[in-house]
């Protein structure tokens, strides 16, 4: 039987864009992130985007997406991942 891998994601945040600017360490500040903010249909606190920073930091990736125009309404969450085998 194949072993499954369970990925536990522990989200950290919320962060503002100003706080995200400090997540600029190439050794540890990369991975998956979520953006929550105001959506015209679903209202405040809605999940707007899930993205991934590969081979670049959260700060570099998020700066490319022009979230600064939405900063007053957005919260950013970043992840830490731990891999564990699901079956022995």
N, C-alpha and C. Protein backbone atom coordinates (compact mmCIF):
# COMPACT_ATOMS: atom_id res chain seq x y z
N UNK A 1 0.84 -1.17 0.00
CA UNK A 1 0.00 0.00 0.00
C UNK A 1 0.89 1.25 0.00
N UNK A 2 0.56 2.20 -0.83
CA UNK A 2 1.32 3.45 -0.89
C UNK A 2 1.09 4.26 0.37
N UNK A 3 2.13 4.97 0.76
CA UNK A 3 2.01 5.87 1.89
C UNK A 3 1.50 7.22 1.41
N UNK A 4 0.53 7.73 2.11
CA UNK A 4 0.02 9.07 1.81
C UNK A 4 0.81 10.09 2.62
N UNK A 5 0.91 11.27 2.12
CA UNK A 5 1.56 12.35 2.85
C UNK A 5 0.51 13.35 3.28
N UNK A 6 0.49 13.65 4.55
CA UNK A 6 -0.41 14.66 5.09
C UNK A 6 0.41 15.93 5.26
N UNK A 7 -0.11 17.02 4.78
CA UNK A 7 0.57 18.30 4.92
C UNK A 7 -0.24 19.15 5.87
N UNK A 8 0.34 19.44 7.02
CA UNK A 8 -0.32 20.30 8.00
C UNK A 8 0.13 21.73 7.73
N UNK A 9 -0.83 22.59 7.53
CA UNK A 9 -0.52 24.00 7.29
C UNK A 9 -0.92 24.79 8.52
N UNK A 10 0.02 25.53 9.03
CA UNK A 10 -0.26 26.42 10.16
C UNK A 10 -0.15 27.84 9.62
N UNK A 11 -1.28 28.52 9.56
CA UNK A 11 -1.31 29.87 9.02
C UNK A 11 -0.88 30.86 10.08
N UNK A 12 -0.11 31.83 9.70
CA UNK A 12 0.33 32.90 10.58
C UNK A 12 -0.21 34.21 10.04
N UNK A 13 -0.66 35.07 10.92
CA UNK A 13 -1.18 36.37 10.51
C UNK A 13 -2.40 36.70 11.32
N UNK A 14 -3.09 37.73 10.99
CA UNK A 14 -2.95 38.52 9.76
C UNK A 14 -1.78 39.48 9.82
N UNK A 15 -1.27 39.81 8.61
CA UNK A 15 -0.21 40.79 8.45
C UNK A 15 -0.74 41.91 7.55
N UNK A 16 -0.27 43.11 7.78
CA UNK A 16 -0.52 44.22 6.86
C UNK A 16 0.57 44.19 5.80
N UNK A 17 0.43 44.99 4.77
CA UNK A 17 1.50 45.06 3.76
C UNK A 17 2.79 45.59 4.36
N UNK A 18 2.69 46.49 5.31
CA UNK A 18 3.89 46.99 5.98
C UNK A 18 4.60 45.87 6.71
N UNK A 19 3.85 45.02 7.39
CA UNK A 19 4.44 43.88 8.10
C UNK A 19 4.99 42.84 7.12
N UNK A 20 4.31 42.66 5.98
CA UNK A 20 4.78 41.72 4.96
C UNK A 20 6.14 42.15 4.43
N UNK A 21 6.41 43.44 4.40
CA UNK A 21 7.69 43.93 3.87
C UNK A 21 8.87 43.40 4.70
N UNK A 22 8.60 42.96 5.93
CA UNK A 22 9.66 42.39 6.78
C UNK A 22 9.88 40.90 6.50
N UNK A 23 8.98 40.28 5.74
CA UNK A 23 9.11 38.86 5.40
C UNK A 23 9.92 38.72 4.12
N UNK A 24 11.19 39.05 4.21
CA UNK A 24 12.04 39.15 3.03
C UNK A 24 13.32 38.35 3.18
N UNK A 25 13.27 37.24 3.93
CA UNK A 25 14.42 36.37 4.13
C UNK A 25 14.30 35.18 3.19
N UNK A 26 15.23 35.06 2.23
CA UNK A 26 15.16 33.98 1.23
C UNK A 26 15.24 32.59 1.84
N UNK A 27 15.78 32.46 3.03
CA UNK A 27 15.91 31.15 3.66
C UNK A 27 14.58 30.66 4.20
N UNK A 28 13.74 31.55 4.71
CA UNK A 28 12.53 31.08 5.38
C UNK A 28 11.22 31.75 4.95
N UNK A 29 11.25 32.87 4.27
CA UNK A 29 10.02 33.62 3.99
C UNK A 29 9.48 33.35 2.59
N UNK A 30 9.07 32.12 2.35
CA UNK A 30 8.45 31.74 1.08
C UNK A 30 7.42 30.66 1.37
N UNK A 31 6.52 30.41 0.43
CA UNK A 31 5.51 29.37 0.60
C UNK A 31 4.16 29.83 0.10
N UNK A 32 3.12 29.35 0.75
CA UNK A 32 1.74 29.62 0.36
C UNK A 32 1.21 30.79 1.18
N UNK A 33 0.36 31.60 0.57
CA UNK A 33 -0.25 32.72 1.30
C UNK A 33 -1.70 32.91 0.89
N UNK A 34 -2.46 33.56 1.75
CA UNK A 34 -3.86 33.88 1.49
C UNK A 34 -4.05 35.38 1.65
N UNK A 35 -4.97 35.94 0.87
CA UNK A 35 -5.32 37.35 1.01
C UNK A 35 -6.82 37.42 1.27
N UNK A 36 -7.18 38.08 2.35
CA UNK A 36 -8.58 38.31 2.71
C UNK A 36 -8.85 39.80 2.62
N UNK A 37 -10.05 40.15 2.21
CA UNK A 37 -10.42 41.55 2.15
C UNK A 37 -11.87 41.70 1.74
N UNK A 38 -12.22 42.88 1.30
CA UNK A 38 -13.60 43.17 0.92
C UNK A 38 -13.87 42.68 -0.50
N UNK A 39 -14.97 41.95 -0.65
CA UNK A 39 -15.43 41.49 -1.96
C UNK A 39 -16.79 42.14 -2.20
N UNK A 40 -17.06 42.64 -3.41
CA UNK A 40 -18.32 43.35 -3.66
C UNK A 40 -19.57 42.52 -3.38
N UNK A 41 -19.50 41.22 -3.60
CA UNK A 41 -20.67 40.36 -3.36
C UNK A 41 -20.67 39.76 -1.97
N UNK A 42 -19.53 39.28 -1.51
CA UNK A 42 -19.46 38.53 -0.26
C UNK A 42 -19.12 39.39 0.95
N UNK A 43 -18.73 40.64 0.75
CA UNK A 43 -18.48 41.55 1.85
C UNK A 43 -17.07 41.47 2.41
N UNK A 44 -16.92 42.04 3.61
CA UNK A 44 -15.61 42.14 4.27
C UNK A 44 -15.14 40.77 4.75
N UNK A 45 -13.84 40.60 4.85
CA UNK A 45 -13.27 39.37 5.38
C UNK A 45 -13.37 38.17 4.47
N UNK A 46 -13.55 38.40 3.18
CA UNK A 46 -13.68 37.30 2.21
C UNK A 46 -12.31 36.87 1.70
N UNK A 47 -12.18 35.57 1.43
CA UNK A 47 -10.97 35.06 0.80
C UNK A 47 -10.93 35.57 -0.63
N UNK A 48 -9.90 36.35 -0.96
CA UNK A 48 -9.77 36.94 -2.29
C UNK A 48 -8.80 36.18 -3.17
N UNK A 49 -7.77 35.58 -2.54
CA UNK A 49 -6.70 35.01 -3.35
C UNK A 49 -5.88 34.04 -2.52
N UNK A 50 -5.45 32.96 -3.16
CA UNK A 50 -4.46 32.05 -2.58
C UNK A 50 -3.32 32.00 -3.57
N UNK A 51 -2.11 32.22 -3.09
CA UNK A 51 -0.96 32.24 -3.98
C UNK A 51 0.22 31.51 -3.36
N UNK A 52 1.30 31.45 -4.13
CA UNK A 52 2.50 30.77 -3.67
C UNK A 52 3.72 31.58 -4.09
N UNK A 53 4.62 31.78 -3.14
CA UNK A 53 5.89 32.44 -3.42
C UNK A 53 6.95 31.36 -3.56
N UNK A 54 7.36 31.10 -4.78
CA UNK A 54 8.41 30.11 -5.08
C UNK A 54 9.66 30.84 -5.52
N UNK A 55 10.80 30.47 -4.99
CA UNK A 55 12.09 31.04 -5.36
C UNK A 55 12.12 32.56 -5.21
N UNK A 56 11.27 33.05 -4.33
CA UNK A 56 11.25 34.47 -3.97
C UNK A 56 10.52 34.60 -2.64
N UNK A 57 10.69 35.71 -1.98
CA UNK A 57 10.08 35.88 -0.66
C UNK A 57 8.61 36.30 -0.78
N UNK A 58 7.90 36.16 0.35
CA UNK A 58 6.51 36.65 0.38
C UNK A 58 6.46 38.12 -0.04
N UNK A 59 7.38 38.90 0.51
CA UNK A 59 7.38 40.33 0.20
C UNK A 59 7.54 40.57 -1.31
N UNK A 60 8.52 39.90 -1.94
CA UNK A 60 8.72 40.11 -3.38
C UNK A 60 7.49 39.69 -4.17
N UNK A 61 6.92 38.54 -3.83
CA UNK A 61 5.75 38.05 -4.58
C UNK A 61 4.55 38.97 -4.43
N UNK A 62 4.25 39.35 -3.20
CA UNK A 62 3.08 40.20 -2.97
C UNK A 62 3.27 41.59 -3.56
N UNK A 63 4.50 42.08 -3.63
CA UNK A 63 4.73 43.39 -4.25
C UNK A 63 4.44 43.36 -5.75
N UNK A 64 4.53 42.20 -6.37
CA UNK A 64 4.28 42.08 -7.80
C UNK A 64 2.79 42.11 -8.13
N UNK A 65 1.95 41.92 -7.13
CA UNK A 65 0.51 41.76 -7.38
C UNK A 65 -0.32 43.01 -7.13
N UNK A 66 0.32 44.13 -6.81
CA UNK A 66 -0.37 45.41 -6.63
C UNK A 66 -1.41 45.42 -5.51
N UNK A 67 -1.18 44.64 -4.46
CA UNK A 67 -2.11 44.67 -3.32
C UNK A 67 -2.05 45.99 -2.57
N UNK A 68 -1.01 46.80 -2.79
CA UNK A 68 -0.89 48.07 -2.08
C UNK A 68 -2.09 48.97 -2.33
N UNK A 69 -2.78 48.77 -3.46
CA UNK A 69 -3.95 49.59 -3.76
C UNK A 69 -5.16 49.17 -2.93
N UNK A 70 -5.10 47.99 -2.33
CA UNK A 70 -6.20 47.46 -1.53
C UNK A 70 -5.83 47.37 -0.05
N UNK A 71 -4.70 47.92 0.35
CA UNK A 71 -4.15 47.65 1.69
C UNK A 71 -5.13 47.94 2.81
N UNK A 72 -5.93 48.98 2.70
CA UNK A 72 -6.81 49.32 3.82
C UNK A 72 -7.84 48.23 4.10
N UNK A 73 -8.11 47.38 3.11
CA UNK A 73 -9.13 46.35 3.26
C UNK A 73 -8.56 44.93 3.33
N UNK A 74 -7.25 44.75 3.18
CA UNK A 74 -6.70 43.40 3.05
C UNK A 74 -5.91 42.95 4.27
N UNK A 75 -6.01 41.67 4.55
CA UNK A 75 -5.19 41.00 5.54
C UNK A 75 -4.48 39.85 4.83
N UNK A 76 -3.22 39.62 5.19
CA UNK A 76 -2.42 38.60 4.55
C UNK A 76 -2.05 37.53 5.57
N UNK A 77 -2.15 36.28 5.17
CA UNK A 77 -1.76 35.16 6.02
C UNK A 77 -0.71 34.36 5.27
N UNK A 78 0.33 33.93 5.97
CA UNK A 78 1.36 33.10 5.36
C UNK A 78 1.40 31.78 6.10
N UNK A 79 2.00 30.76 5.49
CA UNK A 79 1.97 29.43 6.07
C UNK A 79 3.33 28.93 6.49
N UNK A 80 3.28 28.00 7.42
CA UNK A 80 4.44 27.15 7.69
C UNK A 80 3.95 25.73 7.49
N UNK A 81 4.74 24.90 6.85
CA UNK A 81 4.29 23.55 6.47
C UNK A 81 5.14 22.51 7.18
N UNK A 82 4.46 21.47 7.67
CA UNK A 82 5.16 20.31 8.23
C UNK A 82 4.61 19.09 7.54
N UNK A 83 5.48 18.27 6.96
CA UNK A 83 5.07 17.05 6.26
C UNK A 83 5.13 15.87 7.22
N UNK A 84 4.08 15.04 7.22
CA UNK A 84 4.06 13.83 8.04
C UNK A 84 3.47 12.70 7.22
N UNK A 85 4.01 11.49 7.34
CA UNK A 85 3.37 10.37 6.66
C UNK A 85 2.02 10.06 7.33
N UNK A 86 1.02 9.79 6.52
CA UNK A 86 -0.30 9.51 7.06
C UNK A 86 -0.45 8.08 7.53
N UNK A 87 0.26 7.15 6.89
CA UNK A 87 0.16 5.75 7.23
C UNK A 87 1.54 5.19 7.52
N UNK A 88 1.60 4.22 8.39
CA UNK A 88 2.89 3.57 8.68
C UNK A 88 2.99 2.27 7.93
